[in-house]
PDB file of N, CA and C in Angstrom:
ATOM      1  N   MET A   1       0.834  -1.191   0.012  1.00  0.00           N
ATOM      2  CA  MET A   1       0.024  -0.014   0.002  1.00  0.00           C
ATOM      3  C   MET A   1       0.807   1.285   0.055  1.00  0.00           C
ATOM      4  N   VAL A   2       2.064   1.230   0.620  1.00  0.00           N
ATOM      5  CA  VAL A   2       2.835   2.422   0.673  1.00  0.00           C
ATOM      6  C   VAL A   2       3.290   2.805  -0.682  1.00  0.00           C
ATOM      7  N   THR A   3       3.784   1.922  -1.486  1.00  0.00           N
ATOM      8  CA  THR A   3       4.189   2.284  -2.838  1.00  0.00           C
ATOM      9  C   THR A   3       3.127   2.768  -3.745  1.00  0.00           C
ATOM     10  N   ILE A   4       1.925   2.199  -3.629  1.00  0.00           N
ATOM     11  CA  ILE A   4       0.752   2.731  -4.319  1.00  0.00           C
ATOM     12  C   ILE A   4       0.462   4.103  -3.979  1.00  0.00           C
ATOM     13  N   ASN A   5       0.408   4.342  -2.707  1.00  0.00           N
ATOM     14  CA  ASN A   5       0.196   5.633  -2.224  1.00  0.00           C
ATOM     15  C   ASN A   5       1.271   6.668  -2.640  1.00  0.00           C
ATOM     16  N   LEU A   6       2.522   6.179  -2.735  1.00  0.00           N
ATOM     17  CA  LEU A   6       3.576   7.065  -3.243  1.00  0.00           C
ATOM     18  C   LEU A   6       3.385   7.486  -4.738  1.00  0.00           C
ATOM     19  N   ALA A   7       2.801   6.454  -5.413  1.00  0.00           N
ATOM     20  CA  ALA A   7       2.568   6.736  -6.882  1.00  0.00           C
ATOM     21  C   ALA A   7       1.459   7.833  -7.040  1.00  0.00           C
ATOM     22  N   TYR A   8       0.446   7.715  -6.244  1.00  0.00           N
ATOM     23  CA  TYR A   8      -0.600   8.680  -6.240  1.00  0.00           C
ATOM     24  C   TYR A   8      -0.066  10.090  -5.786  1.00  0.00           C
ATOM     25  N   LEU A   9       0.882  10.015  -4.797  1.00  0.00           N
ATOM     26  CA  LEU A   9       1.459  11.349  -4.372  1.00  0.00           C
ATOM     27  C   LEU A   9       2.236  12.024  -5.456  1.00  0.00           C
ATOM     28  N   VAL A  10       3.098  11.188  -6.102  1.00  0.00           N
ATOM     29  CA  VAL A  10       3.891  11.785  -7.149  1.00  0.00           C
ATOM     30  C   VAL A  10       3.067  12.325  -8.326  1.00  0.00           C
ATOM     31  N   VAL A  11       2.031  11.626  -8.651  1.00  0.00           N
ATOM     32  CA  VAL A  11       1.248  12.105  -9.794  1.00  0.00           C
ATOM     33  C   VAL A  11       0.262  13.183  -9.296  1.00  0.00           C
ATOM     34  N   GLY A  12      -0.139  13.155  -8.054  1.00  0.00           N
ATOM     35  CA  GLY A  12      -1.016  14.181  -7.596  1.00  0.00           C
ATOM     36  C   GLY A  12      -0.389  15.498  -7.106  1.00  0.00           C
ATOM     37  N   MET A  13       0.952  15.557  -7.201  1.00  0.00           N
ATOM     38  CA  MET A  13       1.604  16.766  -6.695  1.00  0.00           C
ATOM     39  C   MET A  13       1.326  17.971  -7.716  1.00  0.00           C
ATOM     40  N   MET A  14       0.882  17.699  -8.906  1.00  0.00           N
ATOM     41  CA  MET A  14       0.621  18.633  -9.924  1.00  0.00           C
ATOM     42  C   MET A  14      -0.453  19.641  -9.392  1.00  0.00           C
ATOM     43  N   GLU A  15      -1.461  19.107  -8.845  1.00  0.00           N
ATOM     44  CA  GLU A  15      -2.618  19.985  -8.292  1.00  0.00           C
ATOM     45  C   GLU A  15      -2.170  20.828  -7.142  1.00  0.00           C
ATOM     46  N   VAL A  16      -1.296  20.341  -6.240  1.00  0.00           N
ATOM     47  CA  VAL A  16      -0.802  21.097  -5.110  1.00  0.00           C
ATOM     48  C   VAL A  16       0.092  22.189  -5.622  1.00  0.00           C
ATOM     49  N   GLU A  17       1.020  21.881  -6.513  1.00  0.00           N
ATOM     50  CA  GLU A  17       1.872  22.918  -7.024  1.00  0.00           C
ATOM     51  C   GLU A  17       1.123  23.978  -7.767  1.00  0.00           C
ATOM     52  N   VAL A  18       0.055  23.654  -8.540  1.00  0.00           N
ATOM     53  CA  VAL A  18      -0.643  24.709  -9.229  1.00  0.00           C
ATOM     54  C   VAL A  18      -1.490  25.559  -8.327  1.00  0.00           C
ATOM     55  N   VAL A  19      -2.047  24.947  -7.321  1.00  0.00           N
ATOM     56  CA  VAL A  19      -2.960  25.735  -6.527  1.00  0.00           C
ATOM     57  C   VAL A  19      -2.164  26.737  -5.540  1.00  0.00           C
ATOM     58  N   PHE A  20      -0.936  26.087  -5.015  1.00  0.00           N
ATOM     59  CA  PHE A  20      -0.180  27.019  -4.117  1.00  0.00           C
ATOM     60  C   PHE A  20       1.075  27.705  -4.790  1.00  0.00           C
ATOM     61  N   VAL A  21       1.128  27.610  -6.163  1.00  0.00           N
ATOM     62  CA  VAL A  21       2.138  28.124  -6.907  1.00  0.00           C
ATOM     63  C   VAL A  21       3.569  27.852  -6.463  1.00  0.00           C
ATOM     64  N   TYR A  22       3.713  26.586  -6.237  1.00  0.00           N
ATOM     65  CA  TYR A  22       5.166  26.096  -5.905  1.00  0.00           C
ATOM     66  C   TYR A  22       5.808  25.765  -7.241  1.00  0.00           C
ATOM     67  N   PRO A  23       7.040  26.254  -7.392  1.00  0.00           N
ATOM     68  CA  PRO A  23       7.685  25.799  -8.623  1.00  0.00           C
ATOM     69  C   PRO A  23       8.238  24.445  -8.414  1.00  0.00           C
ATOM     70  N   GLY A  24       7.964  23.588  -9.508  1.00  0.00           N
ATOM     71  CA  GLY A  24       8.448  22.247  -9.463  1.00  0.00           C
ATOM     72  C   GLY A  24       8.018  21.468 -10.727  1.00  0.00           C
ATOM     73  N   MET A  25       8.048  20.181 -10.627  1.00  0.00           N
ATOM     74  CA  MET A  25       7.844  19.243 -11.780  1.00  0.00           C
ATOM     75  C   MET A  25       6.282  19.296 -12.127  1.00  0.00           C
ATOM     76  N   GLY A  26       5.485  19.608 -11.187  1.00  0.00           N
ATOM     77  CA  GLY A  26       4.037  19.659 -11.445  1.00  0.00           C
ATOM     78  C   GLY A  26       3.642  20.963 -12.038  1.00  0.00           C
ATOM     79  N   GLN A  27       4.207  22.019 -11.736  1.00  0.00           N
ATOM     80  CA  GLN A  27       4.091  23.331 -12.360  1.00  0.00           C
ATOM     81  C   GLN A  27       4.483  23.461 -13.668  1.00  0.00           C
ATOM     82  N   TYR A  28       5.582  22.779 -13.984  1.00  0.00           N
ATOM     83  CA  TYR A  28       6.241  22.860 -15.333  1.00  0.00           C
ATOM     84  C   TYR A  28       5.427  22.494 -16.415  1.00  0.00           C
ATOM     85  N   PRO A  29       4.660  21.335 -16.524  1.00  0.00           N
ATOM     86  CA  PRO A  29       3.793  21.051 -17.635  1.00  0.00           C
ATOM     87  C   PRO A  29       2.586  21.930 -17.755  1.00  0.00           C
ATOM     88  N   VAL A  30       2.153  22.431 -16.612  1.00  0.00           N
ATOM     89  CA  VAL A  30       0.947  23.367 -16.598  1.00  0.00           C
ATOM     90  C   VAL A  30       1.404  24.685 -17.335  1.00  0.00           C
ATOM     91  N   ASP A  31       2.527  25.150 -17.021  1.00  0.00           N
ATOM     92  CA  ASP A  31       3.025  26.350 -17.704  1.00  0.00           C
ATOM     93  C   ASP A  31       3.173  26.143 -19.216  1.00  0.00           C
ATOM     94  N   HIS A  32       3.682  24.931 -19.584  1.00  0.00           N
ATOM     95  CA  HIS A  32       3.949  24.742 -21.012  1.00  0.00           C
ATOM     96  C   HIS A  32       2.630  24.307 -21.764  1.00  0.00           C
ATOM     97  N   VAL A  33       1.673  23.918 -21.042  1.00  0.00           N
ATOM     98  CA  VAL A  33       0.380  23.740 -21.775  1.00  0.00           C
ATOM     99  C   VAL A  33      -0.246  25.128 -22.350  1.00  0.00           C
ATOM    100  N   SER A  34      -0.117  26.071 -21.478  1.00  0.00           N
ATOM    101  CA  SER A  34      -0.550  27.409 -21.911  1.00  0.00           C
ATOM    102  C   SER A  34       0.293  27.957 -23.090  1.00  0.00           C
ATOM    103  N   LYS A  35       1.555  27.531 -23.141  1.00  0.00           N
ATOM    104  CA  LYS A  35       2.419  27.914 -24.302  1.00  0.00           C
ATOM    105  C   LYS A  35       2.328  26.998 -25.478  1.00  0.00           C
ATOM    106  N   ARG A  36       1.499  25.969 -25.383  1.00  0.00           N
ATOM    107  CA  ARG A  36       1.307  24.965 -26.422  1.00  0.00           C
ATOM    108  C   ARG A  36       2.618  24.241 -26.820  1.00  0.00           C
ATOM    109  N   ASP A  37       3.425  23.941 -25.854  1.00  0.00           N
ATOM    110  CA  ASP A  37       4.679  23.297 -26.025  1.00  0.00           C
ATOM    111  C   ASP A  37       4.442  21.771 -25.822  1.00  0.00           C
ATOM    112  N   VAL A  38       4.074  21.158 -26.950  1.00  0.00           N
ATOM    113  CA  VAL A  38       3.581  19.748 -26.793  1.00  0.00           C
ATOM    114  C   VAL A  38       4.692  18.752 -26.370  1.00  0.00           C
ATOM    115  N   PRO A  39       5.893  18.845 -26.999  1.00  0.00           N
ATOM    116  CA  PRO A  39       6.959  17.867 -26.530  1.00  0.00           C
ATOM    117  C   PRO A  39       7.269  17.927 -24.988  1.00  0.00           C
ATOM    118  N   VAL A  40       7.199  19.121 -24.435  1.00  0.00           N
ATOM    119  CA  VAL A  40       7.523  19.213 -23.001  1.00  0.00           C
ATOM    120  C   VAL A  40       6.369  18.518 -22.242  1.00  0.00           C
ATOM    121  N   VAL A  41       5.142  18.748 -22.625  1.00  0.00           N
ATOM    122  CA  VAL A  41       4.004  18.148 -21.914  1.00  0.00           C
ATOM    123  C   VAL A  41       4.021  16.555 -22.084  1.00  0.00           C
ATOM    124  N   GLN A  42       4.329  16.193 -23.225  1.00  0.00           N
ATOM    125  CA  GLN A  42       4.520  14.655 -23.455  1.00  0.00           C
ATOM    126  C   GLN A  42       5.543  14.030 -22.650  1.00  0.00           C
ATOM    127  N   ALA A  43       6.734  14.739 -22.508  1.00  0.00           N
ATOM    128  CA  ALA A  43       7.862  14.273 -21.792  1.00  0.00           C
ATOM    129  C   ALA A  43       7.476  14.183 -20.277  1.00  0.00           C
ATOM    130  N   CYS A  44       6.729  15.232 -19.769  1.00  0.00           N
ATOM    131  CA  CYS A  44       6.326  15.194 -18.414  1.00  0.00           C
ATOM    132  C   CYS A  44       5.391  14.095 -18.120  1.00  0.00           C
ATOM    133  N   GLY A  45       4.467  13.908 -19.073  1.00  0.00           N
ATOM    134  CA  GLY A  45       3.397  12.810 -18.860  1.00  0.00           C
ATOM    135  C   GLY A  45       4.210  11.392 -18.886  1.00  0.00           C
ATOM    136  N   LEU A  46       5.201  11.366 -19.725  1.00  0.00           N
ATOM    137  CA  LEU A  46       5.992  10.071 -19.704  1.00  0.00           C
ATOM    138  C   LEU A  46       6.700   9.847 -18.418  1.00  0.00           C
ATOM    139  N   VAL A  47       7.242  10.879 -17.908  1.00  0.00           N
ATOM    140  CA  VAL A  47       8.006  10.788 -16.619  1.00  0.00           C
ATOM    141  C   VAL A  47       7.007  10.429 -15.489  1.00  0.00           C
ATOM    142  N   PHE A  48       5.891  11.038 -15.457  1.00  0.00           N
ATOM    143  CA  PHE A  48       4.843  10.690 -14.427  1.00  0.00           C
ATOM    144  C   PHE A  48       4.299   9.266 -14.553  1.00  0.00           C
ATOM    145  N   ALA A  49       4.123   8.849 -15.766  1.00  0.00           N
ATOM    146  CA  ALA A  49       3.685   7.489 -16.047  1.00  0.00           C
ATOM    147  C   ALA A  49       4.819   6.483 -15.634  1.00  0.00           C
ATOM    148  N   ALA A  50       5.979   6.736 -16.009  1.00  0.00           N
ATOM    149  CA  ALA A  50       7.067   5.911 -15.640  1.00  0.00           C
ATOM    150  C   ALA A  50       7.305   5.646 -14.228  1.00  0.00           C
ATOM    151  N   VAL A  51       7.200   6.842 -13.396  1.00  0.00           N
ATOM    152  CA  VAL A  51       7.266   6.696 -11.964  1.00  0.00           C
ATOM    153  C   VAL A  51       6.138   5.940 -11.393  1.00  0.00           C
ATOM    154  N   SER A  52       4.930   6.150 -11.863  1.00  0.00           N
ATOM    155  CA  SER A  52       3.790   5.352 -11.431  1.00  0.00           C
ATOM    156  C   SER A  52       3.943   3.967 -11.727  1.00  0.00           C
ATOM    157  N   ILE A  53       4.361   3.556 -12.916  1.00  0.00           N
ATOM    158  CA  ILE A  53       4.554   2.160 -13.270  1.00  0.00           C
ATOM    159  C   ILE A  53       5.593   1.562 -12.444  1.00  0.00           C
ATOM    160  N   GLY A  54       6.685   2.251 -12.226  1.00  0.00           N
ATOM    161  CA  GLY A  54       7.863   1.774 -11.535  1.00  0.00           C
ATOM    162  C   GLY A  54       7.505   1.531 -10.102  1.00  0.00           C
ATOM    163  N   LEU A  55       6.738   2.397  -9.460  1.00  0.00           N
ATOM    164  CA  LEU A  55       6.288   2.161  -8.006  1.00  0.00           C
ATOM    165  C   LEU A  55       5.338   1.027  -7.943  1.00  0.00           C
ATOM    166  N   ASN A  56       4.436   0.878  -8.936  1.00  0.00           N
ATOM    167  CA  ASN A  56       3.574  -0.380  -8.849  1.00  0.00           C
ATOM    168  C   ASN A  56       4.234  -1.573  -9.012  1.00  0.00           C
ATOM    169  N   LEU A  57       5.301  -1.546  -9.872  1.00  0.00           N
ATOM    170  CA  LEU A  57       6.193  -2.780 -10.112  1.00  0.00           C
ATOM    171  C   LEU A  57       6.854  -3.178  -8.845  1.00  0.00           C
ATOM    172  N   ILE A  58       7.443  -2.200  -8.117  1.00  0.00           N
ATOM    173  CA  ILE A  58       8.103  -2.417  -6.896  1.00  0.00           C
ATOM    174  C   ILE A  58       7.075  -3.002  -5.845  1.00  0.00           C
ATOM    175  N   ALA A  59       5.859  -2.453  -5.800  1.00  0.00           N
ATOM    176  CA  ALA A  59       4.876  -2.977  -4.905  1.00  0.00           C
ATOM    177  C   ALA A  59       4.573  -4.469  -5.155  1.00  0.00           C
ATOM    178  N   ASP A  60       4.422  -4.804  -6.474  1.00  0.00           N
ATOM    179  CA  ASP A  60       4.143  -6.104  -6.865  1.00  0.00           C
ATOM    180  C   ASP A  60       5.244  -7.072  -6.475  1.00  0.00           C
ATOM    181  N   VAL A  61       6.523  -6.683  -6.771  1.00  0.00           N
ATOM    182  CA  VAL A  61       7.590  -7.561  -6.370  1.00  0.00           C
ATOM    183  C   VAL A  61       7.697  -7.685  -4.811  1.00  0.00           C
ATOM    184  N   VAL A  62       7.503  -6.608  -4.126  1.00  0.00           N
ATOM    185  CA  VAL A  62       7.576  -6.783  -2.630  1.00  0.00           C
ATOM    186  C   VAL A  62       6.485  -7.628  -2.121  1.00  0.00           C
ATOM    187  N   SER A  63       5.321  -7.602  -2.687  1.00  0.00           N
ATOM    188  CA  SER A  63       4.187  -8.435  -2.200  1.00  0.00           C
ATOM    189  C   SER A  63       4.530  -9.902  -2.620  1.00  0.00           C
ATOM    190  N   ILE A  64       5.125 -10.190  -3.679  1.00  0.00           N
ATOM    191  CA  ILE A  64       5.389 -11.530  -3.987  1.00  0.00           C
ATOM    192  C   ILE A  64       6.440 -12.115  -3.093  1.00  0.00           C
ATOM    193  N   LEU A  65       7.415 -11.300  -2.721  1.00  0.00           N
ATOM    194  CA  LEU A  65       8.589 -11.724  -1.868  1.00  0.00           C
ATOM    195  C   LEU A  65       8.086 -11.884  -0.475  1.00  0.00           C
ATOM    196  N   ALA A  66       7.138 -11.046  -0.052  1.00  0.00           N
ATOM    197  CA  ALA A  66       6.631 -11.130   1.401  1.00  0.00           C
ATOM    198  C   ALA A  66       5.587 -12.266   1.578  1.00  0.00           C
ATOM    199  N   ASN A  67       4.941 -12.822   0.496  1.00  0.00           N
ATOM    200  CA  ASN A  67       3.927 -13.795   0.800  1.00  0.00           C
ATOM    201  C   ASN A  67       4.619 -15.216   0.317  1.00  0.00           C
ATOM    202  N   PRO A  68       4.735 -16.066   1.220  1.00  0.00           N
ATOM    203  CA  PRO A  68       5.385 -17.391   0.807  1.00  0.00           C
ATOM    204  C   PRO A  68       4.521 -18.280  -0.081  1.00  0.00           C
ATOM    205  N   ARG A  69       3.234 -17.961   0.003  1.00  0.00           N
ATOM    206  CA  ARG A  69       2.310 -18.761  -0.846  1.00  0.00           C
ATOM    207  C   ARG A  69       2.524 -18.344  -2.383  1.00  0.00           C
ATOM    208  N   LEU A  70       2.912 -17.037  -2.597  1.00  0.00           N
ATOM    209  CA  LEU A  70       3.178 -16.708  -3.985  1.00  0.00           C
ATOM    210  C   LEU A  70       4.627 -17.016  -4.396  1.00  0.00           C
ATOM    211  N   ARG A  71       5.534 -17.166  -3.539  1.00  0.00           N
ATOM    212  CA  ARG A  71       6.873 -17.496  -3.838  1.00  0.00           C
ATOM    213  C   ARG A  71       6.991 -18.953  -4.265  1.00  0.00           C
ATOM    214  N   HIS A  72       6.286 -19.895  -3.638  1.00  0.00           N
ATOM    215  CA  HIS A  72       6.315 -21.245  -3.885  1.00  0.00           C
ATOM    216  C   HIS A  72       4.894 -21.857  -4.356  1.00  0.00           C
ATOM    217  N   PRO A  73       4.619 -21.638  -5.573  1.00  0.00           N
ATOM    218  CA  PRO A  73       3.282 -22.071  -6.018  1.00  0.00           C
ATOM    219  C   PRO A  73       3.263 -23.633  -6.109  1.00  0.00           C
ATOM    220  N   LYS A  74       2.221 -24.223  -5.928  1.00  0.00           N
ATOM    221  CA  LYS A  74       2.067 -25.706  -6.080  1.00  0.00           C
ATOM    222  C   LYS A  74       2.052 -26.154  -7.484  1.00  0.00           C
TER     223      LYS A  74
END
């Protein structure tokens, strides 16, 4: 559950940075959407997706390692 919540936190930081005007990775794509800079927005989306997928992969591997029934199937 921790890594899944971290994935939501990383992807959800965009709203917090936009609302409170914090400079960061979440504010960056929002600024470039208004400038119609498509490659930057695509790259930021790719980074957010890769982080989310990576954290979910880590969560799956840890759950398999932690559960002996999944490590040794019959």
